C-alpha atoms as a PDB file:
ATOM      1  CA  MET A   1      24.061 -44.958  26.474  1.00  0.00           C
ATOM      2  CA  SER A   2      25.043 -44.480  30.108  1.00  0.00           C
ATOM      3  CA  GLU A   3      24.871 -41.288  32.129  1.00  0.00           C
ATOM      4  CA  VAL A   4      28.331 -40.094  33.149  1.00  0.00           C
ATOM      5  CA  THR A   5      29.496 -38.651  36.451  1.00  0.00           C
ATOM      6  CA  VAL A   6      32.792 -36.737  36.427  1.00  0.00           C
ATOM      7  CA  HIS A   7      35.064 -36.471  39.476  1.00  0.00           C
ATOM      8  CA  ARG A   8      37.678 -33.803  38.772  1.00  0.00           C
ATOM      9  CA  ASP A   9      41.101 -32.942  40.206  1.00  0.00           C
ATOM     10  CA  VAL A  10      41.717 -36.206  42.024  1.00  0.00           C
ATOM     11  CA  VAL A  11      45.378 -36.481  43.092  1.00  0.00           C
ATOM     12  CA  HIS A  12      46.857 -39.734  41.795  1.00  0.00           C
ATOM     13  CA  SER A  13      50.540 -39.124  42.624  1.00  0.00           C
ATOM     14  CA  VAL A  14      52.809 -36.627  44.335  1.00  0.00           C
ATOM     15  CA  VAL A  15      56.283 -36.399  42.780  1.00  0.00           C
ATOM     16  CA  ASP A  16      58.933 -34.064  44.202  1.00  0.00           C
ATOM     17  CA  GLY A  17      56.183 -32.081  45.872  1.00  0.00           C
ATOM     18  CA  VAL A  18      54.152 -31.742  42.657  1.00  0.00           C
ATOM     19  CA  GLU A  19      50.589 -33.068  42.703  1.00  0.00           C
ATOM     20  CA  LEU A  20      49.572 -34.986  39.594  1.00  0.00           C
ATOM     21  CA  ARG A  21      45.809 -35.158  39.124  1.00  0.00           C
ATOM     22  CA  LEU A  22      43.227 -37.060  37.148  1.00  0.00           C
ATOM     23  CA  ASP A  23      39.610 -36.633  36.113  1.00  0.00           C
ATOM     24  CA  LEU A  24      37.376 -39.702  36.384  1.00  0.00           C
ATOM     25  CA  TYR A  25      34.571 -40.170  33.850  1.00  0.00           C
ATOM     26  CA  LEU A  26      32.273 -42.764  35.413  1.00  0.00           C
ATOM     27  CA  PRO A  27      29.407 -44.556  33.661  1.00  0.00           C
ATOM     28  CA  ASP A  28      26.331 -45.193  35.790  1.00  0.00           C
ATOM     29  CA  VAL A  29      26.473 -48.960  35.086  1.00  0.00           C
ATOM     30  CA  ARG A  30      29.047 -50.378  37.470  1.00  0.00           C
ATOM     31  CA  PRO A  31      31.391 -52.065  38.085  1.00  0.00           C
ATOM     32  CA  ALA A  32      32.755 -50.561  34.888  1.00  0.00           C
ATOM     33  CA  PRO A  33      35.897 -51.450  32.958  1.00  0.00           C
ATOM     34  CA  VAL A  34      38.430 -48.618  33.076  1.00  0.00           C
ATOM     35  CA  CYS A  35      41.241 -47.145  31.006  1.00  0.00           C
ATOM     36  CA  ILE A  36      43.602 -44.265  31.521  1.00  0.00           C
ATOM     37  CA  TRP A  37      43.706 -41.469  28.944  1.00  0.00           C
ATOM     38  CA  LEU A  38      47.073 -39.850  28.108  1.00  0.00           C
ATOM     39  CA  HIS A  39      46.874 -36.580  26.184  1.00  0.00           C
ATOM     40  CA  GLY A  40      49.092 -35.494  23.316  1.00  0.00           C
ATOM     41  CA  GLY A  41      51.242 -32.397  22.911  1.00  0.00           C
ATOM     42  CA  GLY A  42      54.714 -33.689  22.098  1.00  0.00           C
ATOM     43  CA  TRP A  43      55.424 -34.496  25.782  1.00  0.00           C
ATOM     44  CA  MET A  44      55.889 -30.715  26.005  1.00  0.00           C
ATOM     45  CA  ARG A  45      52.392 -29.261  26.341  1.00  0.00           C
ATOM     46  CA  GLY A  46      48.757 -30.309  26.520  1.00  0.00           C
ATOM     47  CA  SER A  47      46.204 -31.030  29.211  1.00  0.00           C
ATOM     48  CA  ARG A  48      44.126 -33.957  30.420  1.00  0.00           C
ATOM     49  CA  THR A  49      41.025 -31.872  29.620  1.00  0.00           C
ATOM     50  CA  ASP A  50      41.872 -31.399  25.913  1.00  0.00           C
ATOM     51  CA  ARG A  51      38.916 -32.540  23.727  1.00  0.00           C
ATOM     52  CA  ALA A  52      37.388 -34.287  26.727  1.00  0.00           C
ATOM     53  CA  GLU A  53      33.810 -33.492  25.743  1.00  0.00           C
ATOM     54  CA  GLN A  54      34.237 -34.743  22.173  1.00  0.00           C
ATOM     55  CA  ARG A  55      36.419 -37.722  23.025  1.00  0.00           C
ATOM     56  CA  LEU A  56      36.263 -38.973  26.603  1.00  0.00           C
ATOM     57  CA  LEU A  57      32.600 -38.447  27.407  1.00  0.00           C
ATOM     58  CA  PRO A  58      31.348 -40.594  24.478  1.00  0.00           C
ATOM     59  CA  VAL A  59      33.590 -43.497  25.495  1.00  0.00           C
ATOM     60  CA  ALA A  60      32.413 -43.215  29.100  1.00  0.00           C
ATOM     61  CA  GLU A  61      28.799 -43.075  27.880  1.00  0.00           C
ATOM     62  CA  SER A  62      29.423 -46.394  26.130  1.00  0.00           C
ATOM     63  CA  GLY A  63      30.228 -48.010  29.485  1.00  0.00           C
ATOM     64  CA  VAL A  64      34.020 -47.678  29.753  1.00  0.00           C
ATOM     65  CA  ALA A  65      35.255 -45.477  32.592  1.00  0.00           C
ATOM     66  CA  VAL A  66      38.080 -43.109  31.649  1.00  0.00           C
ATOM     67  CA  ALA A  67      40.724 -41.661  33.956  1.00  0.00           C
ATOM     68  CA  ALA A  68      42.288 -38.666  32.195  1.00  0.00           C
ATOM     69  CA  VAL A  69      45.649 -38.220  33.883  1.00  0.00           C
ATOM     70  CA  ASP A  70      48.363 -35.638  34.324  1.00  0.00           C
ATOM     71  CA  TYR A  71      51.964 -36.560  33.639  1.00  0.00           C
ATOM     72  CA  ARG A  72      55.088 -34.438  33.868  1.00  0.00           C
ATOM     73  CA  LEU A  73      55.975 -32.614  30.657  1.00  0.00           C
ATOM     74  CA  SER A  74      59.470 -32.317  29.215  1.00  0.00           C
ATOM     75  CA  GLY A  75      59.952 -28.841  30.690  1.00  0.00           C
ATOM     76  CA  GLN A  76      59.475 -30.395  34.139  1.00  0.00           C
ATOM     77  CA  ALA A  77      61.312 -33.706  33.806  1.00  0.00           C
ATOM     78  CA  THR A  78      62.763 -35.908  31.077  1.00  0.00           C
ATOM     79  CA  PHE A  79      62.091 -39.526  30.159  1.00  0.00           C
ATOM     80  CA  PRO A  80      61.227 -41.854  31.856  1.00  0.00           C
ATOM     81  CA  ALA A  81      59.373 -39.399  34.142  1.00  0.00           C
ATOM     82  CA  PRO A  82      56.126 -39.257  32.101  1.00  0.00           C
ATOM     83  CA  LEU A  83      56.048 -43.052  31.845  1.00  0.00           C
ATOM     84  CA  ASP A  84      56.585 -43.338  35.597  1.00  0.00           C
ATOM     85  CA  ASP A  85      53.682 -40.925  36.124  1.00  0.00           C
ATOM     86  CA  ALA A  86      51.404 -42.993  33.908  1.00  0.00           C
ATOM     87  CA  ARG A  87      52.365 -46.066  35.918  1.00  0.00           C
ATOM     88  CA  GLY A  88      51.499 -44.183  39.090  1.00  0.00           C
ATOM     89  CA  ALA A  89      48.035 -43.460  37.714  1.00  0.00           C
ATOM     90  CA  VAL A  90      47.459 -47.155  36.937  1.00  0.00           C
ATOM     91  CA  ARG A  91      48.526 -48.078  40.473  1.00  0.00           C
ATOM     92  CA  TRP A  92      46.125 -45.479  41.878  1.00  0.00           C
ATOM     93  CA  LEU A  93      43.264 -47.004  39.889  1.00  0.00           C
ATOM     94  CA  ARG A  94      44.073 -50.483  41.144  1.00  0.00           C
ATOM     95  CA  ALA A  95      44.231 -49.267  44.746  1.00  0.00           C
ATOM     96  CA  ASN A  96      41.191 -46.962  44.651  1.00  0.00           C
ATOM     97  CA  GLY A  97      39.022 -48.034  41.739  1.00  0.00           C
ATOM     98  CA  ALA A  98      36.634 -50.239  43.707  1.00  0.00           C
ATOM     99  CA  GLU A  99      35.391 -47.326  45.824  1.00  0.00           C
ATOM    100  CA  HIS A 100      34.404 -45.562  42.589  1.00  0.00           C
ATOM    101  CA  GLY A 101      32.631 -48.599  41.188  1.00  0.00           C
ATOM    102  CA  LEU A 102      35.431 -49.629  38.848  1.00  0.00           C
ATOM    103  CA  ASP A 103      36.718 -53.064  37.951  1.00  0.00           C
ATOM    104  CA  ALA A 104      40.434 -52.305  37.947  1.00  0.00           C
ATOM    105  CA  THR A 105      41.675 -55.876  37.858  1.00  0.00           C
ATOM    106  CA  ARG A 106      42.253 -55.185  34.161  1.00  0.00           C
ATOM    107  CA  VAL A 107      43.194 -51.646  33.089  1.00  0.00           C
ATOM    108  CA  GLY A 108      43.426 -50.229  29.593  1.00  0.00           C
ATOM    109  CA  ALA A 109      45.657 -47.455  28.280  1.00  0.00           C
ATOM    110  CA  TRP A 110      44.498 -45.047  25.558  1.00  0.00           C
ATOM    111  CA  GLY A 111      46.461 -42.103  24.260  1.00  0.00           C
ATOM    112  CA  ALA A 112      46.956 -39.754  21.333  1.00  0.00           C
ATOM    113  CA  SER A 113      50.299 -38.851  19.776  1.00  0.00           C
ATOM    114  CA  ALA A 114      52.764 -38.477  22.695  1.00  0.00           C
ATOM    115  CA  GLY A 115      50.105 -40.026  24.912  1.00  0.00           C
ATOM    116  CA  GLY A 116      49.775 -42.992  22.556  1.00  0.00           C
ATOM    117  CA  HIS A 117      53.536 -43.427  22.737  1.00  0.00           C
ATOM    118  CA  LEU A 118      53.346 -43.590  26.549  1.00  0.00           C
ATOM    119  CA  ALA A 119      50.355 -45.955  26.447  1.00  0.00           C
ATOM    120  CA  SER A 120      52.330 -48.290  24.187  1.00  0.00           C
ATOM    121  CA  LEU A 121      55.330 -48.252  26.499  1.00  0.00           C
ATOM    122  CA  LEU A 122      53.078 -49.035  29.466  1.00  0.00           C
ATOM    123  CA  ALA A 123      52.100 -52.266  27.733  1.00  0.00           C
ATOM    124  CA  LEU A 124      55.507 -53.243  26.390  1.00  0.00           C
ATOM    125  CA  THR A 125      57.859 -52.472  29.282  1.00  0.00           C
ATOM    126  CA  GLU A 126      57.997 -53.730  32.833  1.00  0.00           C
ATOM    127  CA  ASP A 127      58.673 -51.627  35.917  1.00  0.00           C
ATOM    128  CA  ALA A 128      61.036 -52.916  38.577  1.00  0.00           C
ATOM    129  CA  GLY A 129      59.071 -50.849  41.097  1.00  0.00           C
ATOM    130  CA  ASP A 130      55.948 -52.989  40.727  1.00  0.00           C
ATOM    131  CA  ALA A 131      57.008 -55.425  43.445  1.00  0.00           C
ATOM    132  CA  GLU A 132      57.187 -52.604  45.982  1.00  0.00           C
ATOM    133  CA  LEU A 133      54.687 -50.045  44.676  1.00  0.00           C
ATOM    134  CA  GLY A 134      51.959 -52.194  43.141  1.00  0.00           C
ATOM    135  CA  ASP A 135      50.898 -53.491  39.737  1.00  0.00           C
ATOM    136  CA  SER A 136      51.223 -50.928  36.930  1.00  0.00           C
ATOM    137  CA  SER A 137      50.587 -53.313  34.040  1.00  0.00           C
ATOM    138  CA  VAL A 138      47.883 -52.672  31.449  1.00  0.00           C
ATOM    139  CA  GLN A 139      45.848 -55.263  29.604  1.00  0.00           C
ATOM    140  CA  ALA A 140      44.794 -53.410  26.426  1.00  0.00           C
ATOM    141  CA  VAL A 141      46.146 -50.444  24.474  1.00  0.00           C
ATOM    142  CA  VAL A 142      44.650 -47.958  22.034  1.00  0.00           C
ATOM    143  CA  ALA A 143      47.305 -45.733  20.436  1.00  0.00           C
ATOM    144  CA  TRP A 144      46.319 -42.919  18.096  1.00  0.00           C
ATOM    145  CA  PHE A 145      48.862 -41.479  15.605  1.00  0.00           C
ATOM    146  CA  ALA A 146      51.750 -42.199  17.974  1.00  0.00           C
ATOM    147  CA  PRO A 147      55.505 -42.246  17.262  1.00  0.00           C
ATOM    148  CA  SER A 148      56.900 -45.743  17.712  1.00  0.00           C
ATOM    149  CA  ASP A 149      60.597 -45.218  16.898  1.00  0.00           C
ATOM    150  CA  LEU A 150      62.237 -42.009  18.132  1.00  0.00           C
ATOM    151  CA  LEU A 151      65.345 -42.695  16.040  1.00  0.00           C
ATOM    152  CA  LEU A 152      63.291 -42.168  12.864  1.00  0.00           C
ATOM    153  CA  ARG A 153      61.808 -38.825  13.818  1.00  0.00           C
ATOM    154  CA  ASP A 154      64.609 -36.650  12.432  1.00  0.00           C
ATOM    155  CA  SER A 155      64.261 -38.267   8.999  1.00  0.00           C
ATOM    156  CA  ASP A 156      60.486 -38.773   8.849  1.00  0.00           C
ATOM    157  CA  VAL A 157      58.778 -37.490   5.694  1.00  0.00           C
ATOM    158  CA  PRO A 158      55.326 -35.977   6.398  1.00  0.00           C
ATOM    159  CA  GLU A 159      52.449 -37.530   4.485  1.00  0.00           C
ATOM    160  CA  GLY A 160      50.398 -34.330   4.423  1.00  0.00           C
ATOM    161  CA  PRO A 161      50.523 -30.658   5.366  1.00  0.00           C
ATOM    162  CA  LEU A 162      51.056 -29.524   8.919  1.00  0.00           C
ATOM    163  CA  PRO A 163      47.772 -29.867  10.794  1.00  0.00           C
ATOM    164  CA  PRO A 164      45.772 -26.661  11.302  1.00  0.00           C
ATOM    165  CA  PHE A 165      46.517 -26.434  15.026  1.00  0.00           C
ATOM    166  CA  VAL A 166      50.235 -25.921  14.291  1.00  0.00           C
ATOM    167  CA  THR A 167      50.443 -22.132  14.045  1.00  0.00           C
ATOM    168  CA  ALA A 168      54.144 -21.651  14.805  1.00  0.00           C
ATOM    169  CA  PRO A 169      57.401 -23.302  13.684  1.00  0.00           C
ATOM    170  CA  LEU A 170      58.109 -26.684  15.244  1.00  0.00           C
ATOM    171  CA  PRO A 171      60.387 -26.388  18.278  1.00  0.00           C
ATOM    172  CA  GLU A 172      64.155 -26.653  18.309  1.00  0.00           C
ATOM    173  CA  PRO A 173      65.336 -28.837  19.963  1.00  0.00           C
ATOM    174  CA  SER A 174      62.638 -31.192  18.736  1.00  0.00           C
ATOM    175  CA  PHE A 175      59.864 -32.633  20.876  1.00  0.00           C
ATOM    176  CA  GLU A 176      61.720 -35.948  21.010  1.00  0.00           C
ATOM    177  CA  ALA A 177      65.047 -34.343  21.945  1.00  0.00           C
ATOM    178  CA  ARG A 178      63.363 -32.396  24.739  1.00  0.00           C
ATOM    179  CA  LEU A 179      61.771 -35.612  26.008  1.00  0.00           C
ATOM    180  CA  LEU A 180      65.240 -37.145  26.266  1.00  0.00           C
ATOM    181  CA  GLY A 181      66.888 -33.971  27.586  1.00  0.00           C
ATOM    182  CA  VAL A 182      69.346 -33.612  24.692  1.00  0.00           C
ATOM    183  CA  GLN A 183      69.916 -31.242  21.778  1.00  0.00           C
ATOM    184  CA  GLN A 184      69.696 -33.928  19.091  1.00  0.00           C
ATOM    185  CA  VAL A 185      68.112 -37.370  19.282  1.00  0.00           C
ATOM    186  CA  ARG A 186      71.040 -38.828  17.348  1.00  0.00           C
ATOM    187  CA  ASP A 187      73.304 -37.840  20.258  1.00  0.00           C
ATOM    188  CA  ALA A 188      71.411 -40.196  22.575  1.00  0.00           C
ATOM    189  CA  ARG A 189      70.719 -43.293  20.498  1.00  0.00           C
ATOM    190  CA  GLU A 190      70.534 -45.709  23.441  1.00  0.00           C
ATOM    191  CA  ALA A 191      68.111 -43.454  25.316  1.00  0.00           C
ATOM    192  CA  ALA A 192      66.029 -42.993  22.154  1.00  0.00           C
ATOM    193  CA  ARG A 193      65.829 -46.727  21.657  1.00  0.00           C
ATOM    194  CA  ALA A 194      64.829 -47.234  25.296  1.00  0.00           C
ATOM    195  CA  ALA A 195      62.002 -44.737  24.740  1.00  0.00           C
ATOM    196  CA  SER A 196      60.797 -46.370  21.481  1.00  0.00           C
ATOM    197  CA  PRO A 197      57.863 -48.785  21.745  1.00  0.00           C
ATOM    198  CA  VAL A 198      58.917 -50.781  18.687  1.00  0.00           C
ATOM    199  CA  ALA A 199      62.166 -51.701  20.433  1.00  0.00           C
ATOM    200  CA  HIS A 200      60.259 -53.423  23.237  1.00  0.00           C
ATOM    201  CA  VAL A 201      57.794 -55.541  21.285  1.00  0.00           C
ATOM    202  CA  ARG A 202      57.544 -59.013  22.803  1.00  0.00           C
ATOM    203  CA  ALA A 203      55.465 -62.129  22.634  1.00  0.00           C
ATOM    204  CA  GLY A 204      52.697 -62.081  25.221  1.00  0.00           C
ATOM    205  CA  ALA A 205      52.140 -58.333  25.039  1.00  0.00           C
ATOM    206  CA  PRO A 206      48.527 -57.212  25.565  1.00  0.00           C
ATOM    207  CA  PRO A 207      46.197 -56.500  22.616  1.00  0.00           C
ATOM    208  CA  PHE A 208      46.710 -53.271  20.645  1.00  0.00           C
ATOM    209  CA  LEU A 209      44.422 -51.123  18.525  1.00  0.00           C
ATOM    210  CA  LEU A 210      46.506 -48.705  16.462  1.00  0.00           C
ATOM    211  CA  MET A 211      44.770 -45.851  14.627  1.00  0.00           C
ATOM    212  CA  HIS A 212      46.529 -43.394  12.305  1.00  0.00           C
ATOM    213  CA  GLY A 213      45.664 -41.026   9.485  1.00  0.00           C
ATOM    214  CA  ASP A 214      47.325 -41.670   6.129  1.00  0.00           C
ATOM    215  CA  ARG A 215      47.860 -37.912   5.587  1.00  0.00           C
ATOM    216  CA  ASP A 216      49.610 -37.200   8.869  1.00  0.00           C
ATOM    217  CA  GLY A 217      51.749 -34.088   8.607  1.00  0.00           C
ATOM    218  CA  LEU A 218      53.561 -34.606  11.918  1.00  0.00           C
ATOM    219  CA  VAL A 219      53.990 -38.340  12.618  1.00  0.00           C
ATOM    220  CA  PRO A 220      53.778 -40.459   9.450  1.00  0.00           C
ATOM    221  CA  SER A 221      51.553 -43.522   9.571  1.00  0.00           C
ATOM    222  CA  GLY A 222      54.662 -45.638   9.022  1.00  0.00           C
ATOM    223  CA  HIS A 223      55.147 -45.494  12.789  1.00  0.00           C
ATOM    224  CA  SER A 224      51.886 -47.328  13.434  1.00  0.00           C
ATOM    225  CA  ARG A 225      52.412 -49.630  10.454  1.00  0.00           C
ATOM    226  CA  ARG A 226      55.850 -50.641  11.726  1.00  0.00           C
ATOM    227  CA  LEU A 227      54.639 -51.241  15.278  1.00  0.00           C
ATOM    228  CA  HIS A 228      51.673 -53.234  13.976  1.00  0.00           C
ATOM    229  CA  HIS A 229      53.965 -55.421  11.864  1.00  0.00           C
ATOM    230  CA  ALA A 230      56.324 -56.031  14.797  1.00  0.00           C
ATOM    231  CA  LEU A 231      53.454 -56.928  17.144  1.00  0.00           C
ATOM    232  CA  ARG A 232      51.878 -59.333  14.676  1.00  0.00           C
ATOM    233  CA  ALA A 233      55.270 -60.968  14.048  1.00  0.00           C
ATOM    234  CA  GLU A 234      55.372 -61.826  17.766  1.00  0.00           C
ATOM    235  CA  GLY A 235      51.862 -63.230  17.740  1.00  0.00           C
ATOM    236  CA  VAL A 236      50.288 -60.264  19.550  1.00  0.00           C
ATOM    237  CA  ASP A 237      46.610 -59.475  18.926  1.00  0.00           C
ATOM    238  CA  ALA A 238      47.030 -56.159  17.094  1.00  0.00           C
ATOM    239  CA  GLY A 239      44.740 -54.252  14.767  1.00  0.00           C
ATOM    240  CA  LEU A 240      45.546 -51.256  12.567  1.00  0.00           C
ATOM    241  CA  TRP A 241      42.976 -48.689  11.411  1.00  0.00           C
ATOM    242  CA  LEU A 242      44.201 -46.258   8.758  1.00  0.00           C
ATOM    243  CA  LEU A 243      41.862 -43.268   8.439  1.00  0.00           C
ATOM    244  CA  HIS A 244      41.816 -42.189   4.806  1.00  0.00           C
ATOM    245  CA  GLY A 245      42.762 -38.544   4.328  1.00  0.00           C
ATOM    246  CA  ALA A 246      43.156 -37.872   8.062  1.00  0.00           C
ATOM    247  CA  ASN A 247      45.891 -35.639   9.445  1.00  0.00           C
ATOM    248  CA  HIS A 248      47.368 -35.528  12.943  1.00  0.00           C
ATOM    249  CA  GLU A 249      44.652 -34.935  15.593  1.00  0.00           C
ATOM    250  CA  ASP A 250      42.139 -34.938  12.765  1.00  0.00           C
ATOM    251  CA  PRO A 251      38.425 -34.520  13.634  1.00  0.00           C
ATOM    252  CA  ALA A 252      37.925 -37.956  12.050  1.00  0.00           C
ATOM    253  CA  PHE A 253      39.315 -39.516  15.230  1.00  0.00           C
ATOM    254  CA  ASP A 254      36.449 -38.035  17.229  1.00  0.00           C
ATOM    255  CA  ALA A 255      33.815 -39.282  14.782  1.00  0.00           C
ATOM    256  CA  PRO A 256      31.247 -41.729  16.226  1.00  0.00           C
ATOM    257  CA  GLU A 257      32.636 -44.696  14.288  1.00  0.00           C
ATOM    258  CA  SER A 258      36.190 -44.074  15.540  1.00  0.00           C
ATOM    259  CA  LEU A 259      35.111 -43.743  19.165  1.00  0.00           C
ATOM    260  CA  ALA A 260      32.858 -46.791  18.810  1.00  0.00           C
ATOM    261  CA  ALA A 261      35.882 -48.796  17.698  1.00  0.00           C
ATOM    262  CA  VAL A 262      37.784 -47.641  20.790  1.00  0.00           C
ATOM    263  CA  SER A 263      34.908 -48.478  23.130  1.00  0.00           C
ATOM    264  CA  SER A 264      34.264 -51.873  21.570  1.00  0.00           C
ATOM    265  CA  PHE A 265      37.945 -52.828  21.729  1.00  0.00           C
ATOM    266  CA  LEU A 266      38.292 -51.793  25.366  1.00  0.00           C
ATOM    267  CA  ARG A 267      35.082 -53.487  26.493  1.00  0.00           C
ATOM    268  CA  ARG A 268      36.091 -56.694  24.729  1.00  0.00           C
ATOM    269  CA  HIS A 269      39.502 -56.892  26.363  1.00  0.00           C
ATOM    270  CA  LEU A 270      38.793 -55.418  29.799  1.00  0.00           C
ATOM    271  CA  THR A 271      35.506 -57.095  30.668  1.00  0.00           C
ATOM    272  CA  PRO A 272      35.881 -60.463  32.457  1.00  0.00           C
END
């Protein structure tokens, strides 16, 4: 296992006068492969520091550098703002990674829930701004318990009870409606489709590792199953791990075997 150095509060983008920051978790063996980490919270709340000690440090100790990044939440800006912010973080890594001992020629994206949704979109959609602003593509994706089709969210049937961290009623408008800036997702079907990873699946997409609990009380595992099926149908290298009995943001995702799967996948696809 590698020792890890953490550089905190590094500004990766400035948008409308707002500084977006990242924390870099750097292994001592360099140049290291690198991925960005996108936190969950329904695009509405959450922090890049959430569960960092349990989740990000072990992956960095395994030899994969992690850049835990800020992105604008739905109370600040609507879609595609958070995706644009994630792209800005990838561009920052490509421009500045070498001075931190990173090999940023290939960059991974790893996220949980809303963050997994954004990581998936990073891999499946192109940005017209790349020609001017720099390369924001990613070469490997790990998505944990992420929604893949926003049009299904109003009719999703939970597979288990609400997870223990949900201590208040779910918001109205929903997380997805707030992301799109509408009262109901069904009122913005084109925007919802544009924000749905499964709608952008294409041949030649980078490898995916999808992980989901089969007792998810917020985002049913059907979202990962459907995305996995669509990716495989296009010939994309995609794996699906279903964690038996696991709910949304379940401790099972931070278990050594789960994090080892993440590290192994990222090292395999990001190391030259």
